[in-house]
Amino acid sequence: MAIGLLSTVAAVFYGGTISILALTATFARRRTLRREARSTLAVLLPGRAVESLRADSVTAGPGS
């Protein structure tokens, strides 16, 4: 029972962290904060690293 409870707490904590980072990466006012949140998400969600880098290059635009 203790392992199940610990696993549930860890899953909720991980999900909350991902949610807050995703909201920050989307709605932060400062570009640097959005970029840092995206790079942290790329570490926590390994399959998304290429998409995160692609999103940065698209949103940055020319001359950034």
PDB file of N, CA and C in Angstrom:
ATOM      1  N   MET A   1       0.818  -1.193   0.000  1.00  0.00           N
ATOM      2  CA  MET A   1       0.000   0.000   0.000  1.00  0.00           C
ATOM      3  C   MET A   1       0.864   1.259   0.000  1.00  0.00           C
ATOM      4  N   ALA A   2       1.967   1.238   0.756  1.00  0.00           N
ATOM      5  CA  ALA A   2       2.830   2.411   0.839  1.00  0.00           C
ATOM      6  C   ALA A   2       3.461   2.723  -0.517  1.00  0.00           C
ATOM      7  N   ILE A   3       3.812   1.688  -1.287  1.00  0.00           N
ATOM      8  CA  ILE A   3       4.421   1.921  -2.593  1.00  0.00           C
ATOM      9  C   ILE A   3       3.400   2.521  -3.556  1.00  0.00           C
ATOM     10  N   GLY A   4       2.175   2.073  -3.494  1.00  0.00           N
ATOM     11  CA  GLY A   4       1.120   2.632  -4.341  1.00  0.00           C
ATOM     12  C   GLY A   4       0.857   4.093  -4.014  1.00  0.00           C
ATOM     13  N   LEU A   5       0.846   4.428  -2.737  1.00  0.00           N
ATOM     14  CA  LEU A   5       0.628   5.807  -2.319  1.00  0.00           C
ATOM     15  C   LEU A   5       1.785   6.692  -2.767  1.00  0.00           C
ATOM     16  N   LEU A   6       2.993   6.199  -2.592  1.00  0.00           N
ATOM     17  CA  LEU A   6       4.165   6.957  -3.014  1.00  0.00           C
ATOM     18  C   LEU A   6       4.173   7.160  -4.524  1.00  0.00           C
ATOM     19  N   SER A   7       3.793   6.147  -5.264  1.00  0.00           N
ATOM     20  CA  SER A   7       3.730   6.246  -6.716  1.00  0.00           C
ATOM     21  C   SER A   7       2.672   7.264  -7.149  1.00  0.00           C
ATOM     22  N   THR A   8       1.542   7.264  -6.480  1.00  0.00           N
ATOM     23  CA  THR A   8       0.480   8.214  -6.805  1.00  0.00           C
ATOM     24  C   THR A   8       0.907   9.645  -6.515  1.00  0.00           C
ATOM     25  N   VAL A   9       1.551   9.853  -5.380  1.00  0.00           N
ATOM     26  CA  VAL A   9       2.034  11.193  -5.030  1.00  0.00           C
ATOM     27  C   VAL A   9       3.061  11.666  -6.052  1.00  0.00           C
ATOM     28  N   ALA A  10       3.972  10.789  -6.445  1.00  0.00           N
ATOM     29  CA  ALA A  10       4.984  11.151  -7.439  1.00  0.00           C
ATOM     30  C   ALA A  10       4.341  11.486  -8.784  1.00  0.00           C
ATOM     31  N   ALA A  11       3.340  10.718  -9.182  1.00  0.00           N
ATOM     32  CA  ALA A  11       2.666  10.967 -10.462  1.00  0.00           C
ATOM     33  C   ALA A  11       1.930  12.308 -10.445  1.00  0.00           C
ATOM     34  N   VAL A  12       1.281  12.621  -9.343  1.00  0.00           N
ATOM     35  CA  VAL A  12       0.569  13.905  -9.227  1.00  0.00           C
ATOM     36  C   VAL A  12       1.568  15.064  -9.236  1.00  0.00           C
ATOM     37  N   PHE A  13       2.674  14.919  -8.536  1.00  0.00           N
ATOM     38  CA  PHE A  13       3.702  15.953  -8.509  1.00  0.00           C
ATOM     39  C   PHE A  13       4.295  16.168  -9.903  1.00  0.00           C
ATOM     40  N   TYR A  14       4.595  15.086 -10.610  1.00  0.00           N
ATOM     41  CA  TYR A  14       5.147  15.170 -11.961  1.00  0.00           C
ATOM     42  C   TYR A  14       4.136  15.827 -12.908  1.00  0.00           C
ATOM     43  N   GLY A  15       2.889  15.410 -12.827  1.00  0.00           N
ATOM     44  CA  GLY A  15       1.854  15.995 -13.679  1.00  0.00           C
ATOM     45  C   GLY A  15       1.652  17.474 -13.413  1.00  0.00           C
ATOM     46  N   GLY A  16       1.692  17.858 -12.156  1.00  0.00           N
ATOM     47  CA  GLY A  16       1.559  19.272 -11.806  1.00  0.00           C
ATOM     48  C   GLY A  16       2.727  20.090 -12.321  1.00  0.00           C
ATOM     49  N   THR A  17       3.925  19.535 -12.210  1.00  0.00           N
ATOM     50  CA  THR A  17       5.116  20.233 -12.703  1.00  0.00           C
ATOM     51  C   THR A  17       5.039  20.426 -14.209  1.00  0.00           C
ATOM     52  N   ILE A  18       4.653  19.383 -14.919  1.00  0.00           N
ATOM     53  CA  ILE A  18       4.529  19.474 -16.380  1.00  0.00           C
ATOM     54  C   ILE A  18       3.465  20.504 -16.760  1.00  0.00           C
ATOM     55  N   SER A  19       2.345  20.507 -16.041  1.00  0.00           N
ATOM     56  CA  SER A  19       1.268  21.453 -16.343  1.00  0.00           C
ATOM     57  C   SER A  19       1.711  22.894 -16.146  1.00  0.00           C
ATOM     58  N   ILE A  20       2.377  23.170 -15.045  1.00  0.00           N
ATOM     59  CA  ILE A  20       2.832  24.536 -14.776  1.00  0.00           C
ATOM     60  C   ILE A  20       3.878  24.969 -15.793  1.00  0.00           C
ATOM     61  N   LEU A  21       4.786  24.064 -16.150  1.00  0.00           N
ATOM     62  CA  LEU A  21       5.784  24.407 -17.162  1.00  0.00           C
ATOM     63  C   LEU A  21       5.143  24.647 -18.526  1.00  0.00           C
ATOM     64  N   ALA A  22       4.141  23.849 -18.868  1.00  0.00           N
ATOM     65  CA  ALA A  22       3.463  24.036 -20.155  1.00  0.00           C
ATOM     66  C   ALA A  22       2.735  25.376 -20.205  1.00  0.00           C
ATOM     67  N   LEU A  23       2.089  25.744 -19.113  1.00  0.00           N
ATOM     68  CA  LEU A  23       1.411  27.043 -19.057  1.00  0.00           C
ATOM     69  C   LEU A  23       2.421  28.191 -19.125  1.00  0.00           C
ATOM     70  N   THR A  24       3.528  28.035 -18.441  1.00  0.00           N
ATOM     71  CA  THR A  24       4.565  29.064 -18.475  1.00  0.00           C
ATOM     72  C   THR A  24       5.152  29.181 -19.872  1.00  0.00           C
ATOM     73  N   ALA A  25       5.414  28.056 -20.512  1.00  0.00           N
ATOM     74  CA  ALA A  25       5.989  28.067 -21.857  1.00  0.00           C
ATOM     75  C   ALA A  25       5.035  28.688 -22.869  1.00  0.00           C
ATOM     76  N   THR A  26       3.758  28.665 -22.573  1.00  0.00           N
ATOM     77  CA  THR A  26       2.769  29.201 -23.502  1.00  0.00           C
ATOM     78  C   THR A  26       2.419  30.656 -23.219  1.00  0.00           C
ATOM     79  N   PHE A  27       2.241  31.008 -21.947  1.00  0.00           N
ATOM     80  CA  PHE A  27       1.656  32.306 -21.610  1.00  0.00           C
ATOM     81  C   PHE A  27       2.594  33.292 -20.917  1.00  0.00           C
ATOM     82  N   ALA A  28       3.858  32.963 -20.729  1.00  0.00           N
ATOM     83  CA  ALA A  28       4.773  33.895 -20.064  1.00  0.00           C
ATOM     84  C   ALA A  28       4.967  35.140 -20.915  1.00  0.00           C
ATOM     85  N   ARG A  29       5.092  36.269 -20.266  1.00  0.00           N
ATOM     86  CA  ARG A  29       5.255  37.516 -21.008  1.00  0.00           C
ATOM     87  C   ARG A  29       6.651  37.670 -21.578  1.00  0.00           C
ATOM     88  N   ARG A  30       7.648  37.213 -20.823  1.00  0.00           N
ATOM     89  CA  ARG A  30       9.032  37.366 -21.273  1.00  0.00           C
ATOM     90  C   ARG A  30       9.464  36.179 -22.126  1.00  0.00           C
ATOM     91  N   ARG A  31      10.128  36.472 -23.230  1.00  0.00           N
ATOM     92  CA  ARG A  31      10.587  35.436 -24.150  1.00  0.00           C
ATOM     93  C   ARG A  31      11.587  34.495 -23.480  1.00  0.00           C
ATOM     94  N   THR A  32      12.453  35.043 -22.617  1.00  0.00           N
ATOM     95  CA  THR A  32      13.458  34.201 -21.957  1.00  0.00           C
ATOM     96  C   THR A  32      12.808  33.205 -21.011  1.00  0.00           C
ATOM     97  N   LEU A  33      11.753  33.619 -20.332  1.00  0.00           N
ATOM     98  CA  LEU A  33      11.056  32.701 -19.427  1.00  0.00           C
ATOM     99  C   LEU A  33      10.356  31.593 -20.207  1.00  0.00           C
ATOM    100  N   ARG A  34       9.754  31.943 -21.343  1.00  0.00           N
ATOM    101  CA  ARG A  34       9.136  30.914 -22.198  1.00  0.00           C
ATOM    102  C   ARG A  34      10.181  29.932 -22.697  1.00  0.00           C
ATOM    103  N   ARG A  35      11.341  30.437 -23.106  1.00  0.00           N
ATOM    104  CA  ARG A  35      12.411  29.583 -23.622  1.00  0.00           C
ATOM    105  C   ARG A  35      12.936  28.642 -22.541  1.00  0.00           C
ATOM    106  N   GLU A  36      13.118  29.153 -21.321  1.00  0.00           N
ATOM    107  CA  GLU A  36      13.594  28.318 -20.223  1.00  0.00           C
ATOM    108  C   GLU A  36      12.573  27.235 -19.873  1.00  0.00           C
ATOM    109  N   ALA A  37      11.292  27.591 -19.876  1.00  0.00           N
ATOM    110  CA  ALA A  37      10.253  26.595 -19.591  1.00  0.00           C
ATOM    111  C   ALA A  37      10.229  25.516 -20.666  1.00  0.00           C
ATOM    112  N   ARG A  38      10.414  25.904 -21.929  1.00  0.00           N
ATOM    113  CA  ARG A  38      10.437  24.915 -23.013  1.00  0.00           C
ATOM    114  C   ARG A  38      11.640  23.997 -22.913  1.00  0.00           C
ATOM    115  N   SER A  39      12.789  24.548 -22.528  1.00  0.00           N
ATOM    116  CA  SER A  39      13.966  23.691 -22.410  1.00  0.00           C
ATOM    117  C   SER A  39      13.825  22.728 -21.239  1.00  0.00           C
ATOM    118  N   THR A  40      13.185  23.162 -20.162  1.00  0.00           N
ATOM    119  CA  THR A  40      12.937  22.263 -19.040  1.00  0.00           C
ATOM    120  C   THR A  40      11.946  21.175 -19.437  1.00  0.00           C
ATOM    121  N   LEU A  41      10.928  21.537 -20.189  1.00  0.00           N
ATOM    122  CA  LEU A  41       9.981  20.532 -20.684  1.00  0.00           C
ATOM    123  C   LEU A  41      10.682  19.528 -21.590  1.00  0.00           C
ATOM    124  N   ALA A  42      11.632  19.994 -22.379  1.00  0.00           N
ATOM    125  CA  ALA A  42      12.368  19.089 -23.270  1.00  0.00           C
ATOM    126  C   ALA A  42      13.154  18.058 -22.474  1.00  0.00           C
ATOM    127  N   VAL A  43      13.611  18.430 -21.290  1.00  0.00           N
ATOM    128  CA  VAL A  43      14.335  17.478 -20.442  1.00  0.00           C
ATOM    129  C   VAL A  43      13.362  16.489 -19.814  1.00  0.00           C
ATOM    130  N   LEU A  44      12.222  16.979 -19.361  1.00  0.00           N
ATOM    131  CA  LEU A  44      11.262  16.115 -18.669  1.00  0.00           C
ATOM    132  C   LEU A  44      10.446  15.248 -19.617  1.00  0.00           C
ATOM    133  N   LEU A  45      10.275  15.695 -20.850  1.00  0.00           N
ATOM    134  CA  LEU A  45       9.546  14.932 -21.865  1.00  0.00           C
ATOM    135  C   LEU A  45      10.500  14.677 -23.031  1.00  0.00           C
ATOM    136  N   PRO A  46      11.307  13.621 -22.968  1.00  0.00           N
ATOM    137  CA  PRO A  46      12.394  13.432 -23.934  1.00  0.00           C
ATOM    138  C   PRO A  46      11.971  13.388 -25.401  1.00  0.00           C
ATOM    139  N   GLY A  47      10.812  12.895 -25.722  1.00  0.00           N
ATOM    140  CA  GLY A  47      10.390  12.783 -27.116  1.00  0.00           C
ATOM    141  C   GLY A  47      10.026  14.110 -27.746  1.00  0.00           C
ATOM    142  N   ARG A  48       9.960  15.173 -26.957  1.00  0.00           N
ATOM    143  CA  ARG A  48       9.517  16.475 -27.459  1.00  0.00           C
ATOM    144  C   ARG A  48      10.648  17.458 -27.705  1.00  0.00           C
ATOM    145  N   ALA A  49      11.885  17.052 -27.577  1.00  0.00           N
ATOM    146  CA  ALA A  49      13.009  17.988 -27.671  1.00  0.00           C
ATOM    147  C   ALA A  49      13.087  18.651 -29.043  1.00  0.00           C
ATOM    148  N   VAL A  50      12.896  17.908 -30.116  1.00  0.00           N
ATOM    149  CA  VAL A  50      12.994  18.475 -31.463  1.00  0.00           C
ATOM    150  C   VAL A  50      11.869  19.455 -31.709  1.00  0.00           C
ATOM    151  N   GLU A  51      10.669  19.133 -31.265  1.00  0.00           N
ATOM    152  CA  GLU A  51       9.541  20.037 -31.452  1.00  0.00           C
ATOM    153  C   GLU A  51       9.746  21.332 -30.687  1.00  0.00           C
ATOM    154  N   SER A  52      10.322  21.268 -29.487  1.00  0.00           N
ATOM    155  CA  SER A  52      10.557  22.475 -28.697  1.00  0.00           C
ATOM    156  C   SER A  52      11.536  23.396 -29.407  1.00  0.00           C
ATOM    157  N   LEU A  53      12.608  22.839 -29.943  1.00  0.00           N
ATOM    158  CA  LEU A  53      13.579  23.662 -30.646  1.00  0.00           C
ATOM    159  C   LEU A  53      12.967  24.262 -31.899  1.00  0.00           C
ATOM    160  N   ARG A  54      12.140  23.499 -32.578  1.00  0.00           N
ATOM    161  CA  ARG A  54      11.477  23.994 -33.772  1.00  0.00           C
ATOM    162  C   ARG A  54      10.531  25.135 -33.413  1.00  0.00           C
ATOM    163  N   ALA A  55       9.811  25.028 -32.316  1.00  0.00           N
ATOM    164  CA  ALA A  55       8.877  26.072 -31.897  1.00  0.00           C
ATOM    165  C   ALA A  55       9.620  27.357 -31.557  1.00  0.00           C
ATOM    166  N   ASP A  56      10.800  27.249 -30.947  1.00  0.00           N
ATOM    167  CA  ASP A  56      11.592  28.432 -30.638  1.00  0.00           C
ATOM    168  C   ASP A  56      12.027  29.154 -31.902  1.00  0.00           C
ATOM    169  N   SER A  57      12.452  28.403 -32.914  1.00  0.00           N
ATOM    170  CA  SER A  57      12.921  29.039 -34.126  1.00  0.00           C
ATOM    171  C   SER A  57      11.778  29.678 -34.893  1.00  0.00           C
ATOM    172  N   VAL A  58      10.583  29.116 -34.822  1.00  0.00           N
ATOM    173  CA  VAL A  58       9.439  29.681 -35.530  1.00  0.00           C
ATOM    174  C   VAL A  58       8.954  30.945 -34.845  1.00  0.00           C
ATOM    175  N   THR A  59       8.856  30.937 -33.504  1.00  0.00           N
ATOM    176  CA  THR A  59       8.343  32.092 -32.792  1.00  0.00           C
ATOM    177  C   THR A  59       9.354  33.218 -32.708  1.00  0.00           C
ATOM    178  N   ALA A  60      10.644  32.908 -32.819  1.00  0.00           N
ATOM    179  CA  ALA A  60      11.661  33.949 -32.706  1.00  0.00           C
ATOM    180  C   ALA A  60      11.610  34.888 -33.911  1.00  0.00           C
ATOM    181  N   GLY A  61      11.415  34.340 -35.084  1.00  0.00           N
ATOM    182  CA  GLY A  61      11.327  35.143 -36.280  1.00  0.00           C
ATOM    183  C   GLY A  61      12.686  35.671 -36.720  1.00  0.00           C
ATOM    184  N   PRO A  62      12.730  36.369 -37.834  1.00  0.00           N
ATOM    185  CA  PRO A  62      13.999  36.882 -38.335  1.00  0.00           C
ATOM    186  C   PRO A  62      14.492  38.038 -37.471  1.00  0.00           C
ATOM    187  N   GLY A  63      15.799  38.099 -37.304  1.00  0.00           N
ATOM    188  CA  GLY A  63      16.393  39.208 -36.567  1.00  0.00           C
ATOM    189  C   GLY A  63      16.303  39.094 -35.072  1.00  0.00           C
ATOM    190  N   SER A  64      15.906  37.951 -34.525  1.00  0.00           N
ATOM    191  CA  SER A  64      15.806  37.811 -33.072  1.00  0.00           C
ATOM    192  C   SER A  64      17.096  37.358 -32.470  1.00  0.00           C
TER     193      SER A  64
END
